Amino acid sequence: MADIKSHCISDEEFEKIKKEHKYRCAICGSVQGQPHFLRTNIIIELHQGCKDPKKDMTADNIIPQCQICHRWSN
């Protein structure tokens, strides 16, 4: 099986995906740069998460995830 993490998209492609999601986590809806709604001491940073972890991390399989949802999904 290929190393899925090595197939991440470019920063420019991810910026477009974040904009399409209105800079919100696709899982919990937290907004980039704002405090997390459950853990207000954490400022949201969006990471490249995947819709289907069995597939490569291509633009059509990547969603923005806050650091909390990203940690839970990995």
N, C-alpha and C. Protein backbone atom coordinates (compact mmCIF):
# COMPACT_ATOMS: atom_id res chain seq x y z
N MET A 1 0.85 -1.19 0.00
CA MET A 1 0.00 0.00 0.00
C MET A 1 0.88 1.24 0.00
N ALA A 2 0.56 2.21 -0.80
CA ALA A 2 1.34 3.44 -0.91
C ALA A 2 1.21 4.27 0.35
N ASP A 3 2.22 5.10 0.58
CA ASP A 3 2.19 6.01 1.72
C ASP A 3 1.25 7.16 1.39
N ILE A 4 0.04 7.12 1.91
CA ILE A 4 -0.99 8.10 1.58
C ILE A 4 -0.56 9.51 1.99
N LYS A 5 0.15 9.65 3.10
CA LYS A 5 0.54 10.97 3.58
C LYS A 5 1.47 11.68 2.59
N SER A 6 2.16 10.94 1.73
CA SER A 6 3.08 11.57 0.78
C SER A 6 2.35 12.14 -0.43
N HIS A 7 1.05 11.97 -0.51
CA HIS A 7 0.29 12.43 -1.66
C HIS A 7 -0.52 13.69 -1.35
N CYS A 8 -0.06 14.50 -0.43
CA CYS A 8 -0.78 15.72 -0.07
C CYS A 8 -0.77 16.70 -1.25
N ILE A 9 -1.74 17.58 -1.27
CA ILE A 9 -1.85 18.56 -2.34
C ILE A 9 -1.03 19.81 -1.99
N SER A 10 -0.89 20.70 -2.95
CA SER A 10 -0.12 21.93 -2.74
C SER A 10 -0.86 22.89 -1.81
N ASP A 11 -0.12 23.84 -1.28
CA ASP A 11 -0.72 24.86 -0.41
C ASP A 11 -1.80 25.64 -1.16
N GLU A 12 -1.55 25.94 -2.44
CA GLU A 12 -2.51 26.69 -3.24
C GLU A 12 -3.81 25.90 -3.42
N GLU A 13 -3.69 24.61 -3.70
CA GLU A 13 -4.88 23.77 -3.85
C GLU A 13 -5.65 23.68 -2.54
N PHE A 14 -4.92 23.54 -1.43
CA PHE A 14 -5.59 23.44 -0.13
C PHE A 14 -6.26 24.76 0.24
N GLU A 15 -5.64 25.87 -0.11
CA GLU A 15 -6.25 27.18 0.15
C GLU A 15 -7.59 27.29 -0.57
N LYS A 16 -7.66 26.80 -1.80
CA LYS A 16 -8.91 26.82 -2.57
C LYS A 16 -9.98 25.96 -1.87
N ILE A 17 -9.59 24.80 -1.38
CA ILE A 17 -10.53 23.91 -0.68
C ILE A 17 -11.02 24.57 0.61
N LYS A 18 -10.10 25.20 1.36
CA LYS A 18 -10.51 25.90 2.59
C LYS A 18 -11.51 27.01 2.27
N LYS A 19 -11.25 27.76 1.21
CA LYS A 19 -12.15 28.84 0.81
C LYS A 19 -13.53 28.28 0.46
N GLU A 20 -13.57 27.15 -0.27
CA GLU A 20 -14.85 26.51 -0.62
C GLU A 20 -15.63 26.11 0.63
N HIS A 21 -14.92 25.78 1.71
CA HIS A 21 -15.56 25.40 2.98
C HIS A 21 -15.70 26.59 3.93
N LYS A 22 -15.48 27.80 3.40
CA LYS A 22 -15.60 29.05 4.17
C LYS A 22 -14.69 29.04 5.39
N TYR A 23 -13.50 28.44 5.22
CA TYR A 23 -12.47 28.38 6.26
C TYR A 23 -12.99 27.74 7.55
N ARG A 24 -13.84 26.73 7.38
CA ARG A 24 -14.40 25.98 8.50
C ARG A 24 -13.97 24.53 8.43
N CYS A 25 -13.84 23.92 9.59
CA CYS A 25 -13.58 22.48 9.66
C CYS A 25 -14.79 21.76 9.06
N ALA A 26 -14.54 20.83 8.14
CA ALA A 26 -15.63 20.10 7.50
C ALA A 26 -16.34 19.15 8.46
N ILE A 27 -15.73 18.85 9.59
CA ILE A 27 -16.32 17.93 10.56
C ILE A 27 -17.14 18.66 11.61
N CYS A 28 -16.53 19.62 12.31
CA CYS A 28 -17.22 20.27 13.44
C CYS A 28 -17.66 21.70 13.15
N GLY A 29 -17.18 22.30 12.06
CA GLY A 29 -17.58 23.65 11.71
C GLY A 29 -16.79 24.77 12.36
N SER A 30 -15.76 24.44 13.12
CA SER A 30 -14.93 25.47 13.75
C SER A 30 -14.25 26.32 12.68
N VAL A 31 -14.07 27.61 12.96
CA VAL A 31 -13.54 28.56 11.99
C VAL A 31 -12.05 28.78 12.20
N GLN A 32 -11.29 28.74 11.09
CA GLN A 32 -9.84 28.97 11.14
C GLN A 32 -9.53 30.31 11.80
N GLY A 33 -8.57 30.31 12.72
CA GLY A 33 -8.14 31.53 13.39
C GLY A 33 -8.99 31.93 14.59
N GLN A 34 -10.08 31.21 14.84
CA GLN A 34 -10.97 31.50 15.96
C GLN A 34 -10.81 30.40 17.02
N PRO A 35 -11.22 30.68 18.27
CA PRO A 35 -11.18 29.63 19.29
C PRO A 35 -12.11 28.47 18.93
N HIS A 36 -11.71 27.27 19.28
CA HIS A 36 -12.56 26.09 19.06
C HIS A 36 -13.80 26.23 19.94
N PHE A 37 -14.95 25.81 19.44
CA PHE A 37 -16.19 26.03 20.19
C PHE A 37 -16.28 25.20 21.47
N LEU A 38 -15.55 24.09 21.56
CA LEU A 38 -15.57 23.29 22.79
C LEU A 38 -14.35 23.56 23.67
N ARG A 39 -13.23 23.83 23.04
CA ARG A 39 -11.98 24.05 23.78
C ARG A 39 -11.48 25.44 23.42
N THR A 40 -11.99 26.44 24.11
CA THR A 40 -11.76 27.83 23.75
C THR A 40 -10.31 28.29 23.92
N ASN A 41 -9.48 27.47 24.55
CA ASN A 41 -8.07 27.82 24.68
C ASN A 41 -7.27 27.40 23.44
N ILE A 42 -7.92 26.77 22.46
CA ILE A 42 -7.26 26.32 21.23
C ILE A 42 -7.75 27.18 20.07
N ILE A 43 -6.80 27.81 19.37
CA ILE A 43 -7.11 28.58 18.16
C ILE A 43 -7.04 27.62 16.97
N ILE A 44 -8.05 27.66 16.13
CA ILE A 44 -8.19 26.70 15.04
C ILE A 44 -7.16 26.91 13.94
N GLU A 45 -6.50 25.83 13.58
CA GLU A 45 -5.65 25.74 12.40
C GLU A 45 -6.22 24.60 11.56
N LEU A 46 -6.45 24.85 10.29
CA LEU A 46 -7.01 23.80 9.44
C LEU A 46 -5.91 22.95 8.82
N HIS A 47 -6.12 21.64 8.83
CA HIS A 47 -5.18 20.66 8.28
C HIS A 47 -5.85 19.89 7.15
N GLN A 48 -5.03 19.24 6.34
CA GLN A 48 -5.54 18.41 5.26
C GLN A 48 -6.00 17.07 5.82
N GLY A 49 -7.30 16.88 5.84
CA GLY A 49 -7.87 15.60 6.24
C GLY A 49 -8.45 14.91 5.02
N CYS A 50 -8.81 13.66 5.14
CA CYS A 50 -9.35 12.97 3.97
C CYS A 50 -10.77 12.46 4.23
N LYS A 51 -11.58 12.51 3.18
CA LYS A 51 -12.94 12.00 3.26
C LYS A 51 -12.92 10.49 3.44
N ASP A 52 -12.08 9.82 2.65
CA ASP A 52 -11.96 8.37 2.69
C ASP A 52 -10.50 8.01 2.94
N PRO A 53 -10.16 7.57 4.16
CA PRO A 53 -8.76 7.30 4.50
C PRO A 53 -8.13 6.16 3.71
N LYS A 54 -8.93 5.39 2.99
CA LYS A 54 -8.39 4.29 2.19
C LYS A 54 -7.91 4.77 0.82
N LYS A 55 -8.24 6.01 0.47
CA LYS A 55 -7.86 6.57 -0.83
C LYS A 55 -6.71 7.56 -0.67
N ASP A 56 -6.02 7.84 -1.78
CA ASP A 56 -4.94 8.82 -1.77
C ASP A 56 -5.47 10.20 -1.42
N MET A 57 -4.57 11.04 -0.90
CA MET A 57 -4.94 12.41 -0.53
C MET A 57 -4.83 13.30 -1.76
N THR A 58 -5.83 13.20 -2.62
CA THR A 58 -5.93 14.03 -3.81
C THR A 58 -6.96 15.12 -3.53
N ALA A 59 -7.01 16.13 -4.38
CA ALA A 59 -7.90 17.27 -4.15
C ALA A 59 -9.36 16.85 -3.96
N ASP A 60 -9.80 15.81 -4.65
CA ASP A 60 -11.20 15.39 -4.51
C ASP A 60 -11.45 14.54 -3.28
N ASN A 61 -10.41 14.22 -2.53
CA ASN A 61 -10.56 13.42 -1.31
C ASN A 61 -10.13 14.19 -0.05
N ILE A 62 -9.77 15.45 -0.21
CA ILE A 62 -9.28 16.24 0.93
C ILE A 62 -10.34 17.21 1.41
N ILE A 63 -10.46 17.29 2.74
CA ILE A 63 -11.33 18.25 3.39
C ILE A 63 -10.52 18.98 4.46
N PRO A 64 -10.89 20.22 4.78
CA PRO A 64 -10.21 20.90 5.88
C PRO A 64 -10.72 20.38 7.22
N GLN A 65 -9.79 20.09 8.11
CA GLN A 65 -10.14 19.63 9.45
C GLN A 65 -9.36 20.45 10.47
N CYS A 66 -10.03 20.83 11.56
CA CYS A 66 -9.33 21.49 12.65
C CYS A 66 -8.38 20.48 13.29
N GLN A 67 -7.44 20.97 14.08
CA GLN A 67 -6.45 20.07 14.67
C GLN A 67 -7.09 19.03 15.59
N ILE A 68 -8.21 19.34 16.19
CA ILE A 68 -8.86 18.38 17.09
C ILE A 68 -9.52 17.26 16.28
N CYS A 69 -10.30 17.60 15.27
CA CYS A 69 -10.94 16.58 14.43
C CYS A 69 -9.89 15.79 13.66
N HIS A 70 -8.84 16.46 13.23
CA HIS A 70 -7.77 15.78 12.48
C HIS A 70 -7.11 14.72 13.36
N ARG A 71 -6.88 15.05 14.61
CA ARG A 71 -6.27 14.10 15.55
C ARG A 71 -7.20 12.92 15.79
N TRP A 72 -8.50 13.17 15.95
CA TRP A 72 -9.46 12.10 16.21
C TRP A 72 -9.63 11.19 15.00
N SER A 73 -9.49 11.73 13.79
CA SER A 73 -9.73 10.92 12.59
C SER A 73 -8.51 10.12 12.16
N ASN A 74 -7.36 10.40 12.74
CA ASN A 74 -6.14 9.66 12.35
C ASN A 74 -5.85 8.54 13.30
